[in-house]
């Protein structure tokens, strides 16, 4: 019987030690472990393998990510739609997805003998929305966003927490533009993606240009592929962006840019993509009326920035070791009275924080203050405000930040003002 062995090899002990240290640190940052400690989510492998059961705190982070992205998109000229999760299988036969990925789709036949599937991607729905009404060149570019929940079958052995799931939400968008607008739209989207990653602390981002796969794995003519690949390459080089070629790794309908983030311990994660597509507009027969009064075929850009909400959240948890930025934390402040005599002041502090738009709770349990501080530190609550007689009498709070042993006494008004500024979404505070 053969035994499969996995191994790594290193040039010297220093490199080996660095690798082992990284593995040890990665184990501490495992989002599945932290997700349990922070009460964010859980999984039910027996009943819903590869699907997330969001708890209140985890779902608050999930919603904040969507709120952040929705705000960025609205400020960058996007409209937002929502399309059905269950649609006729014929849509994916038209798009070509069924031939390529049919085995990974969840589908079934109804009593009227029609085949439906739970959507594995959002593209056909976006194309059907575009087809409603006549579009003019004056309407383009049309940037259409959708936070679409999709399902794809992944082998059980491949599932891994939030990083690899069967049900997830894409921060998807499809940009319909003229061929002349294609390169500029690629650059506009590229700049937006890199700016968003900076807001989350990712400054080191690699860009890959994934080119056409073998002819048996793609649709469309070589002329269309040449045009799309050149548009992406020109967009990058003309604006001074460094990139590497990833040969043969494009989508079956078009080439794409892939964005690779490096986290705090040096691991790389593939997140956002920009894909140029001149094939699906042809297959779904969409058009716009040009200046000449004739019908023309638009270019379709597929774009995701987080990639999926679930996976990006998993990356964020591990990158920050659970110590999320204040604006993203589901519970921002825990107010802990030293003894029950000061419960009323603790409640007053909480109400003041809530009126300022901050998320706060009071721990009024009959427990020692050191126990409360330890417990809330383990739950990764970023700010703990301790109150006692001096704090009540002077209208102050004693503040302890997550990860610091230092304590600071500050007036309640200054405390609220400082936290309110810190809890503002990064792009809104600029």
Foldseek 3Di string as FASTA:
>chain_A
DDDDDDDDDDPDVVVVVLVVVLVVLLVLLQCQVLCVLLVAWDDDCVPFFQDIGGDPQNVLLLVVVVVVVVVLQVVVQADEDEFDQKDFPVLCVLVVVCVQAVVFWAWDADPVRTIITGAQDCVSVVVVVLQPDAAALVCPFHKYWYQYKHATHDDSVVRDFLQTGGIFTFRKIKTWHALVCLLVVLLVQVVSLQVVVVLLPFNDKAKEKEAAAPPVQADDDPVVQVSQSVSNVCSQVVVPHDHYYDYRPAHRFFIKMWMWTAAPSGDIDIAKMKTKGQDSQVSSVDWHQYPVRDTDGIIMIMITRRRTSSNSVSRSSSRCSNQGFQLSGSAAEEEEEQALVCVVVSVVLCVVLVVLVHHYYYDNDGDGPVVVVVSVLSSNRAKYWYDYDVCVVQQWTWIDGRPDPDIDIDHSVVVSVVSSLRNDRVVVND
